[in-house]
């Protein structure tokens, strides 16, 4: 009994849908599984650089990407907010982390696509003939042909694709961690500056009090006929100078606070209260120059860790260039052609669809052989670039160590000058009270002491930032708030 074309077609369509089911399910798998995907039958694995830490998304900020299984954190800022609280909020909603977090999601989808490439894509092809010749037995053949076919397929290529896309996902994670590290360093620098500004503000306030008392002194002397209006105008000008300096310090504080708001993803119109009293202890802790070692710097360097993945990807490119020498396969199921001159009775016998195997094997071995040699040269380039990055990293460490030594020497010098100015101020104050020095000398030495104090505070924050840079290079700053190991698993 001849088979019904409609029934056979329905059965094959059901089989095709069943085959495509796993791939569709993989597309809908949540990203927290940690597997990624990419669709490319002949992939060439990129070894380019990852996310730019300064790149910012144009759209609304979203939460920073976190490892699967981590608990949800609150996006409410507890005020007054210390450094640890600001880091916590920044990890939840900082706009700096959105782009790199989405890059991780994209790479995980690429891995899922790569797994789907193990199942060849199935296509259905049909042709309807408006006019056709009769068969040899005088019968008229069916006016249509139906066929199912697959793209060229090589499971070895799919295997290479999956492993490469996994490593690209890990590179995206490293890129995200690099952005997080840069954000924490930037926030820590802001808090050290806010701490110094708070101390500067206290000194400026004392200078203002001195200027006011100076004005009252000359007003009193003016009433006694012992000073002139010029003395009053000079004293008033000193008050204006102190007020301008106070406004400048407050403006600097507002600018730094705006940067803190941006890093945390807080609207600029919102007012925040920060606690910088323990900032230096939270940020620097007991870290010292002795904690800076080449091993720690190499282990933390994102550039060197990305270079290791680039080496691995390039080795896969070499293996891929060998795999391209192998043939690819394709499968087809086709009805009898209307021009086959087969009798209708012959067409109705056997299967309605006839299977076939397509083997494609290009013979351009000379070109593919050159490609193998080219991939080996590229691997040598990656090794050379990694070596150069390592030398640059160690040179950067030495430069930062020198900067710290220089800033520390400046701080010690300015501290000594401040101590000297303080002793001279105390000496002048004693002489003034005992009538051995005049009032102008007392005020001049007191102002010199305040200015030496301010200069010392400026040198101190420069030294602290230099030490913070060294701590960031070793990874000790980032490890206080981010578990890098859990991210890379």
Protein backbone atom coordinates (compact mmCIF):
# COMPACT_ATOMS: atom_id res chain seq x y z
CA UNK A 1 0.00 0.00 0.00
CA UNK A 2 1.54 3.40 -0.98
CA UNK A 3 2.43 5.71 1.85
CA UNK A 4 0.47 8.93 2.27
CA UNK A 5 2.71 11.89 1.51
CA UNK A 6 0.90 14.05 4.04
CA UNK A 7 1.39 11.55 6.88
CA UNK A 8 5.07 11.09 6.13
CA UNK A 9 5.58 14.85 5.93
CA UNK A 10 3.83 15.34 9.27
CA UNK A 11 6.02 12.68 10.91
CA UNK A 12 9.21 14.30 9.60
CA UNK A 13 8.12 17.73 10.74
CA UNK A 14 7.51 16.35 14.24
CA UNK A 15 10.99 14.79 14.24
CA UNK A 16 12.54 18.08 13.16
CA UNK A 17 10.78 19.93 15.97
CA UNK A 18 11.93 17.29 18.45
CA UNK A 19 15.55 17.68 17.32
CA UNK A 20 15.40 21.48 17.61
CA UNK A 21 13.86 21.29 21.09
CA UNK A 22 17.14 20.98 23.06
CA UNK A 23 18.63 23.95 21.25
CA UNK A 24 15.57 26.08 21.99
CA UNK A 25 15.63 24.99 25.61
CA UNK A 26 19.28 25.94 25.84
CA UNK A 27 18.44 29.42 24.56
CA UNK A 28 15.96 29.86 27.42
CA UNK A 29 18.30 28.53 30.14
CA UNK A 30 18.96 31.22 32.79
CA UNK A 31 22.40 32.76 32.63
CA UNK A 32 23.24 31.79 36.19
CA UNK A 33 24.19 28.35 34.98
CA UNK A 34 27.46 29.88 33.88
CA UNK A 35 27.41 28.38 30.34
CA UNK A 36 27.73 30.55 27.22
CA UNK A 37 27.12 30.26 23.52
CA UNK A 38 28.09 31.50 20.02
CA UNK A 39 26.96 30.36 16.56
CA UNK A 40 29.82 30.14 14.08
CA UNK A 41 30.45 27.03 11.99
CA UNK A 42 34.09 27.95 11.35
CA UNK A 43 35.06 30.08 14.40
CA UNK A 44 38.23 32.12 14.63
CA UNK A 45 38.66 32.83 18.31
CA UNK A 46 39.37 36.44 19.16
CA UNK A 47 42.06 37.30 21.68
CA UNK A 48 41.21 41.00 21.97
CA UNK A 49 41.09 43.09 25.11
CA UNK A 50 38.04 43.08 27.34
CA UNK A 51 35.87 45.69 28.94
CA UNK A 52 37.12 49.28 29.26
CA UNK A 53 36.96 50.38 32.90
CA UNK A 54 36.14 54.01 31.95
CA UNK A 55 33.46 53.11 29.42
CA UNK A 56 29.99 54.07 30.64
CA UNK A 57 26.60 52.92 29.31
CA UNK A 58 24.26 55.58 27.91
CA UNK A 59 21.17 54.04 29.44
CA UNK A 60 19.85 53.62 32.96
CA UNK A 61 22.19 51.88 35.37
CA UNK A 62 21.39 48.39 36.56
CA UNK A 63 22.72 46.22 39.36
CA UNK A 64 26.25 44.89 39.21
CA UNK A 65 26.60 41.27 38.14
CA UNK A 66 27.10 38.83 41.02
CA UNK A 67 27.99 35.14 41.13
CA UNK A 68 25.20 32.61 41.18
CA UNK A 69 24.02 31.77 44.65
CA UNK A 70 24.93 35.09 46.25
CA UNK A 71 22.25 36.75 48.33
CA UNK A 72 20.55 39.94 47.16
CA UNK A 73 21.89 43.12 48.78
CA UNK A 74 19.91 46.23 49.69
CA UNK A 75 20.21 49.34 47.51
CA UNK A 76 19.49 51.70 50.43
CA UNK A 77 22.43 53.76 51.67
CA UNK A 78 22.79 53.72 55.47
CA UNK A 79 23.84 57.19 56.57
CA UNK A 80 26.22 58.44 57.73
CA UNK A 81 27.94 56.13 55.24
CA UNK A 82 31.48 55.00 55.82
CA UNK A 83 33.77 53.62 53.10
CA UNK A 84 32.61 50.01 53.46
CA UNK A 85 28.96 51.01 53.14
CA UNK A 86 29.66 53.04 50.00
CA UNK A 87 31.55 50.10 48.46
CA UNK A 88 28.60 47.83 49.23
CA UNK A 89 26.15 50.15 47.48
CA UNK A 90 28.50 50.67 44.52
CA UNK A 91 28.71 46.89 43.98
CA UNK A 92 24.90 46.79 43.89
CA UNK A 93 24.03 49.65 41.54
CA UNK A 94 27.09 51.47 40.20
CA UNK A 95 26.65 52.56 36.56
CA UNK A 96 30.34 51.77 36.00
CA UNK A 97 29.61 48.04 36.30
CA UNK A 98 26.62 47.77 33.96
CA UNK A 99 28.44 47.38 30.64
CA UNK A 100 30.90 44.75 31.85
CA UNK A 101 28.11 42.84 33.65
CA UNK A 102 26.07 42.72 30.42
CA UNK A 103 29.19 41.53 28.59
CA UNK A 104 29.29 38.51 30.91
CA UNK A 105 25.65 37.73 30.10
CA UNK A 106 26.40 38.03 26.39
CA UNK A 107 29.35 35.64 26.60
CA UNK A 108 27.29 33.12 28.54
CA UNK A 109 24.69 33.19 25.80
CA UNK A 110 27.52 32.58 23.33
CA UNK A 111 28.45 29.40 25.20
CA UNK A 112 24.86 28.18 24.97
CA UNK A 113 24.89 28.85 21.22
CA UNK A 114 28.14 26.90 20.93
CA UNK A 115 26.52 23.88 22.61
CA UNK A 116 23.59 24.18 20.21
CA UNK A 117 25.98 23.94 17.25
CA UNK A 118 26.44 20.21 18.03
CA UNK A 119 22.98 19.77 16.46
CA UNK A 120 23.17 20.66 12.75
CA UNK A 121 20.67 23.18 11.43
CA UNK A 122 17.82 21.51 9.53
CA UNK A 123 16.23 23.22 6.53
CA UNK A 124 13.15 22.27 4.51
CA UNK A 125 13.13 22.86 0.75
CA UNK A 126 10.19 22.42 -1.62
CA UNK A 127 9.67 23.06 -5.33
CA UNK A 128 6.39 23.15 -7.25
CA UNK A 129 6.46 22.63 -11.06
CA UNK A 130 3.78 24.34 -13.15
CA UNK A 131 4.65 22.23 -16.19
CA UNK A 132 6.50 18.94 -16.50
CA UNK A 133 6.97 16.04 -18.96
CA UNK A 134 5.25 12.68 -18.58
CA UNK A 135 7.02 9.58 -17.34
CA UNK A 136 8.04 6.75 -19.65
CA UNK A 137 4.87 4.84 -18.77
CA UNK A 138 2.68 7.76 -19.78
CA UNK A 139 1.80 8.81 -16.25
CA UNK A 140 2.19 12.32 -14.92
CA UNK A 141 4.56 12.67 -11.93
CA UNK A 142 3.71 14.68 -8.82
CA UNK A 143 4.20 18.41 -9.47
CA UNK A 144 6.33 19.01 -6.36
CA UNK A 145 9.44 17.85 -4.57
CA UNK A 146 10.11 18.10 -0.82
CA UNK A 147 13.45 17.75 0.86
CA UNK A 148 15.10 18.14 4.27
CA UNK A 149 18.76 19.03 4.49
CA UNK A 150 21.38 20.10 7.05
CA UNK A 151 24.22 22.58 6.91
CA UNK A 152 27.79 21.34 6.66
CA UNK A 153 28.65 19.91 10.06
CA UNK A 154 31.80 18.90 11.90
CA UNK A 155 31.49 17.96 15.61
CA UNK A 156 35.17 18.71 16.20
CA UNK A 157 34.57 22.33 15.22
CA UNK A 158 31.66 22.49 17.66
CA UNK A 159 33.88 21.11 20.44
CA UNK A 160 36.51 23.76 19.77
CA UNK A 161 33.79 26.41 19.73
CA UNK A 162 32.40 25.40 23.14
CA UNK A 163 35.76 25.42 24.92
CA UNK A 164 36.76 28.71 23.31
CA UNK A 165 33.50 30.44 24.23
CA UNK A 166 33.89 29.26 27.83
CA UNK A 167 37.27 30.91 28.02
CA UNK A 168 35.87 34.07 26.44
CA UNK A 169 33.23 34.09 29.18
CA UNK A 170 36.01 33.85 31.77
CA UNK A 171 37.77 36.74 30.06
CA UNK A 172 34.57 38.76 30.34
CA UNK A 173 34.44 37.96 34.06
CA UNK A 174 38.03 39.14 34.45
CA UNK A 175 37.13 42.30 32.57
CA UNK A 176 34.23 42.85 34.98
CA UNK A 177 36.48 42.29 37.99
CA UNK A 178 38.94 44.80 36.52
CA UNK A 179 36.16 47.39 36.35
CA UNK A 180 35.16 46.60 39.95
CA UNK A 181 38.77 46.96 41.08
CA UNK A 182 39.05 50.32 39.33
CA UNK A 183 35.79 51.51 40.89
CA UNK A 184 36.86 50.54 44.43
CA UNK A 185 40.24 52.24 43.92
CA UNK A 186 38.53 55.39 42.66
CA UNK A 187 36.12 55.39 45.61
CA UNK A 188 38.98 54.84 48.06
CA UNK A 189 40.89 57.77 46.57
CA UNK A 190 37.81 59.98 47.00
CA UNK A 191 37.47 58.97 50.65
CA UNK A 192 41.13 59.73 51.37
CA UNK A 193 40.62 63.15 49.80
CA UNK A 194 37.44 63.72 51.83
CA UNK A 195 39.33 62.83 54.99
CA UNK A 196 42.07 65.33 54.13
CA UNK A 197 39.47 67.97 53.20
CA UNK A 198 37.79 67.54 56.60
CA UNK A 199 41.11 68.23 58.31
CA UNK A 200 41.79 71.16 55.98
CA UNK A 201 38.36 72.54 56.82
CA UNK A 202 39.19 72.46 60.54
CA UNK A 203 42.41 74.39 59.93
CA UNK A 204 40.64 76.97 57.74
CA UNK A 205 38.06 77.42 60.48
CA UNK A 206 40.83 78.27 62.95
CA UNK A 207 42.30 80.73 60.44
CA UNK A 208 38.88 82.36 60.22
CA UNK A 209 38.67 82.66 64.00
CA UNK A 210 42.14 84.21 64.06
CA UNK A 211 41.15 86.73 61.37
CA UNK A 212 38.02 87.71 63.30
CA UNK A 213 39.90 88.15 66.56
CA UNK A 214 42.47 90.20 64.65
CA UNK A 215 39.70 92.51 63.40
CA UNK A 216 38.28 92.91 66.91
CA UNK A 217 41.74 93.73 68.22
CA UNK A 218 42.26 96.57 65.74
CA UNK A 219 38.71 97.89 66.30
CA UNK A 220 39.48 98.08 70.00
CA UNK A 221 42.76 99.89 69.31
CA UNK A 222 40.95 102.21 66.91
CA UNK A 223 38.63 103.27 69.74
CA UNK A 224 41.70 104.03 71.83
CA UNK A 225 43.26 105.99 68.98
CA UNK A 226 46.11 103.52 68.58
CA UNK A 227 45.25 102.22 65.05
CA UNK A 228 43.96 103.57 61.76
CA UNK A 229 41.21 102.76 59.29
CA UNK A 230 43.87 101.18 57.10
CA UNK A 231 44.51 98.59 59.83
CA UNK A 232 40.78 97.85 59.90
CA UNK A 233 40.63 97.43 56.13
CA UNK A 234 43.63 95.08 56.19
CA UNK A 235 41.99 92.98 58.92
CA UNK A 236 38.70 92.86 56.97
CA UNK A 237 40.57 91.75 53.84
CA UNK A 238 42.13 88.89 55.80
CA UNK A 239 38.64 87.77 56.80
CA UNK A 240 37.57 87.82 53.14
CA UNK A 241 40.61 85.74 52.24
CA UNK A 242 39.79 83.20 54.94
CA UNK A 243 36.17 83.08 53.75
CA UNK A 244 37.29 82.54 50.13
CA UNK A 245 39.59 79.74 51.26
CA UNK A 246 36.75 78.16 53.21
CA UNK A 247 34.49 78.33 50.14
CA UNK A 248 37.22 76.74 48.04
CA UNK A 249 37.57 73.84 50.47
CA UNK A 250 33.80 73.37 50.52
CA UNK A 251 33.69 73.44 46.71
CA UNK A 252 36.39 70.76 46.54
CA UNK A 253 34.44 68.63 48.99
CA UNK A 254 31.27 68.98 46.87
CA UNK A 255 33.16 67.90 43.73
CA UNK A 256 34.55 64.81 45.44
CA UNK A 257 31.12 63.97 46.87
CA UNK A 258 29.62 64.19 43.37
CA UNK A 259 32.17 61.64 42.17
CA UNK A 260 31.26 59.39 45.11
CA UNK A 261 27.57 59.68 44.15
CA UNK A 262 28.35 58.76 40.57
CA UNK A 263 30.34 55.68 41.57
CA UNK A 264 27.52 54.53 43.85
CA UNK A 265 24.80 55.29 41.29
CA UNK A 266 23.13 57.88 43.56
CA UNK A 267 21.37 60.86 41.85
CA UNK A 268 23.38 64.07 42.13
CA UNK A 269 20.43 65.96 43.61
CA UNK A 270 20.38 63.61 46.61
CA UNK A 271 22.25 64.67 49.71
CA UNK A 272 24.47 62.09 51.36
CA UNK A 273 26.24 62.14 54.68
CA UNK A 274 29.60 60.35 54.69
CA UNK A 275 31.67 59.32 57.68
CA UNK A 276 35.38 59.76 56.92
CA UNK A 277 36.67 59.51 60.46
CA UNK A 278 37.80 55.89 60.05
CA UNK A 279 38.34 56.04 56.28
CA UNK A 280 42.11 55.77 56.39
CA UNK A 281 42.00 52.76 58.68
CA UNK A 282 39.33 51.03 56.56
CA UNK A 283 41.19 51.66 53.32
CA UNK A 284 44.88 51.25 54.18
CA UNK A 285 44.67 49.22 57.39
CA UNK A 286 48.09 47.83 58.28
CA UNK A 287 49.30 47.68 54.68
CA UNK A 288 52.90 48.68 54.15
CA UNK A 289 55.58 48.68 51.47
CA UNK A 290 56.82 45.32 52.75
CA UNK A 291 53.54 43.76 51.58
CA UNK A 292 54.33 44.58 47.93
CA UNK A 293 55.91 41.53 46.26
CA UNK A 294 56.36 40.61 42.61
CA UNK A 295 54.45 37.36 43.14
CA UNK A 296 51.37 39.13 44.51
CA UNK A 297 51.44 41.73 41.75
CA UNK A 298 51.75 39.08 39.02
CA UNK A 299 48.97 36.97 40.53
CA UNK A 300 46.59 39.92 40.70
CA UNK A 301 47.41 41.58 37.38
CA UNK A 302 44.33 41.40 35.15
CA UNK A 303 46.45 42.03 32.07
CA UNK A 304 48.63 38.96 32.72
CA UNK A 305 45.62 36.79 33.56
CA UNK A 306 43.89 37.87 30.35
CA UNK A 307 47.10 37.10 28.46
CA UNK A 308 46.97 33.52 29.74
CA UNK A 309 43.51 33.15 28.25
CA UNK A 310 44.77 34.69 25.01
CA UNK A 311 47.50 32.04 24.88
CA UNK A 312 44.94 29.29 25.39
CA UNK A 313 42.66 30.70 22.69
CA UNK A 314 45.52 30.98 20.23
CA UNK A 315 46.48 27.35 20.89
CA UNK A 316 42.89 26.45 20.06
CA UNK A 317 43.21 28.44 16.85
CA UNK A 318 46.17 26.23 15.94
CA UNK A 319 44.11 23.11 16.60
CA UNK A 320 41.26 24.63 14.62
CA UNK A 321 43.52 25.21 11.62
CA UNK A 322 44.28 21.46 11.61
CA UNK A 323 40.60 20.56 11.98
CA UNK A 324 39.81 22.62 8.89
CA UNK A 325 41.80 20.06 6.88
CA UNK A 326 39.10 17.47 7.65
CA UNK A 327 35.92 17.07 5.61
CA UNK A 328 32.52 18.38 6.72
CA UNK A 329 29.28 16.46 6.47
CA UNK A 330 25.71 17.22 5.49
CA UNK A 331 22.54 15.10 5.49
CA UNK A 332 19.53 15.28 3.21
CA UNK A 333 16.12 13.63 2.79
CA UNK A 334 14.61 14.18 -0.67
CA UNK A 335 11.49 13.07 -2.56
CA UNK A 336 11.77 11.69 -6.09
CA UNK A 337 12.42 14.44 -8.61
CA UNK A 338 9.64 15.23 -11.08
CA UNK A 339 12.21 14.89 -13.88
CA UNK A 340 13.59 11.51 -12.84
CA UNK A 341 11.50 9.69 -15.54
CA UNK A 342 10.51 7.13 -12.91
CA UNK A 343 7.09 5.58 -13.34
CA UNK A 344 4.39 6.53 -10.87
CA UNK A 345 4.16 2.94 -9.68
CA UNK A 346 7.91 3.00 -9.01
CA UNK A 347 7.60 6.22 -7.08
CA UNK A 348 4.92 4.72 -4.87
CA UNK A 349 7.16 1.84 -3.86
CA UNK A 350 9.62 2.06 -0.95
CA UNK A 351 10.15 5.21 1.13
CA UNK A 352 8.60 8.51 0.25
CA UNK A 353 11.82 10.32 1.25
CA UNK A 354 15.25 9.09 0.21
CA UNK A 355 18.18 9.83 2.55
CA UNK A 356 21.55 11.07 1.37
CA UNK A 357 24.95 12.02 2.78
CA UNK A 358 26.92 15.03 1.55
CA UNK A 359 30.68 15.15 2.16
CA UNK A 360 32.55 18.37 1.43
CA UNK A 361 36.33 18.34 1.37
CA UNK A 362 38.03 21.41 -0.17
CA UNK A 363 41.38 20.63 -1.72
CA UNK A 364 43.12 23.94 -0.92
CA UNK A 365 45.64 22.25 1.36
CA UNK A 366 48.34 24.66 0.32
CA UNK A 367 46.32 27.62 1.68
CA UNK A 368 45.32 25.74 4.84
CA UNK A 369 48.93 24.68 5.42
CA UNK A 370 50.00 28.33 5.34
CA UNK A 371 47.22 29.11 7.80
CA UNK A 372 48.65 26.54 10.24
CA UNK A 373 52.05 28.21 10.04
CA UNK A 374 50.40 31.62 10.48
CA UNK A 375 48.65 30.53 13.67
CA UNK A 376 51.97 29.35 15.15
CA UNK A 377 53.45 32.78 14.41
CA UNK A 378 50.51 34.44 16.12
CA UNK A 379 51.11 32.27 19.18
CA UNK A 380 54.71 33.48 19.28
CA UNK A 381 53.38 37.04 19.11
CA UNK A 382 51.05 36.40 22.07
CA UNK A 383 53.96 35.00 24.11
CA UNK A 384 56.09 38.04 23.25
CA UNK A 385 53.25 40.44 24.14
CA UNK A 386 52.73 38.66 27.48
CA UNK A 387 56.41 38.95 28.30
CA UNK A 388 56.33 42.66 27.45
CA UNK A 389 53.26 43.17 29.67
CA UNK A 390 55.04 41.46 32.55
CA UNK A 391 58.07 43.74 32.21
CA UNK A 392 55.78 46.80 32.00
CA UNK A 393 53.94 45.66 35.11
CA UNK A 394 57.13 45.23 37.14
CA UNK A 395 58.41 48.59 35.87
CA UNK A 396 55.13 50.15 36.97
CA UNK A 397 55.54 48.64 40.43
CA UNK A 398 59.05 50.07 40.73
CA UNK A 399 57.81 53.48 39.59
CA UNK A 400 54.99 53.47 42.13
CA UNK A 401 57.41 52.39 44.86
CA UNK A 402 59.64 55.33 43.93
CA UNK A 403 56.63 57.67 43.95
CA UNK A 404 55.69 56.44 47.41
CA UNK A 405 59.22 56.95 48.72
CA UNK A 406 59.24 60.46 47.25
CA UNK A 407 55.84 61.41 48.68
CA UNK A 408 56.76 59.89 52.03
CA UNK A 409 59.95 62.00 52.13
CA UNK A 410 57.91 65.11 51.30
CA UNK A 411 55.47 64.22 54.08
CA UNK A 412 58.25 63.76 56.64
CA UNK A 413 59.80 67.08 55.57
CA UNK A 414 56.51 68.97 55.75
CA UNK A 415 55.69 67.34 59.10
CA UNK A 416 59.02 68.58 60.46
CA UNK A 417 58.35 72.05 59.09
CA UNK A 418 54.91 72.05 60.71
CA UNK A 419 56.39 70.95 64.02
CA UNK A 420 58.96 73.73 63.77
CA UNK A 421 56.26 76.29 62.96
CA UNK A 422 54.21 75.05 65.90
CA UNK A 423 57.14 75.44 68.30
CA UNK A 424 57.88 78.92 66.97
CA UNK A 425 54.22 79.85 67.37
CA UNK A 426 54.22 78.66 70.98
CA UNK A 427 57.41 80.60 71.61
CA UNK A 428 55.99 83.78 70.09
CA UNK A 429 52.74 83.39 72.03
CA UNK A 430 54.69 83.15 75.27
CA UNK A 431 56.77 86.21 74.38
CA UNK A 432 53.66 88.14 73.40
CA UNK A 433 51.98 87.38 76.72
CA UNK A 434 55.11 88.44 78.57
CA UNK A 435 55.50 91.61 76.53
CA UNK A 436 58.60 90.50 74.65
CA UNK A 437 56.89 90.36 71.18
CA UNK A 438 54.28 92.55 69.54
CA UNK A 439 50.85 91.44 68.34
CA UNK A 440 51.74 91.47 64.63
CA UNK A 441 54.58 88.98 65.24
CA UNK A 442 52.19 86.73 67.16
CA UNK A 443 49.62 86.75 64.35
CA UNK A 444 52.25 86.20 61.64
CA UNK A 445 53.71 83.15 63.39
CA UNK A 446 50.24 81.74 64.06
CA UNK A 447 49.31 82.08 60.35
CA UNK A 448 52.64 80.49 59.34
CA UNK A 449 51.85 77.55 61.61
CA UNK A 450 48.40 77.10 60.06
CA UNK A 451 49.83 77.23 56.52
CA UNK A 452 52.54 74.69 57.39
CA UNK A 453 49.80 72.49 58.82
CA UNK A 454 47.80 72.70 55.60
CA UNK A 455 50.87 71.91 53.51
CA UNK A 456 51.56 68.87 55.69
CA UNK A 457 47.98 67.63 55.18
CA UNK A 458 48.40 67.94 51.41
CA UNK A 459 51.64 65.95 51.50
CA UNK A 460 49.95 63.36 53.72
CA UNK A 461 47.10 62.68 51.31
CA UNK A 462 49.58 62.38 48.42
CA UNK A 463 51.53 59.79 50.38
CA UNK A 464 48.34 57.91 51.29
CA UNK A 465 47.20 57.81 47.65
CA UNK A 466 50.63 56.51 46.60
CA UNK A 467 50.37 53.75 49.21
CA UNK A 468 46.80 53.02 48.07
CA UNK A 469 48.06 52.58 44.50
CA UNK A 470 50.54 49.96 45.70
CA UNK A 471 47.81 48.20 47.65
CA UNK A 472 45.60 48.17 44.57
CA UNK A 473 48.42 46.66 42.47
CA UNK A 474 48.76 43.75 44.89
CA UNK A 475 45.00 43.09 44.93
CA UNK A 476 44.72 43.55 48.70
CA UNK A 477 42.24 46.42 48.32
CA UNK A 478 39.87 44.50 46.03
CA UNK A 479 40.06 41.28 48.07
CA UNK A 480 38.62 43.12 51.11
CA UNK A 481 35.24 43.38 49.38
CA UNK A 482 35.17 40.93 46.43
CA UNK A 483 35.73 37.19 46.48
CA UNK A 484 37.57 36.82 43.17
CA UNK A 485 37.73 33.02 43.42
CA UNK A 486 33.93 32.66 43.52
CA UNK A 487 33.59 34.86 40.43
CA UNK A 488 36.03 32.84 38.36
CA UNK A 489 34.48 29.44 39.16
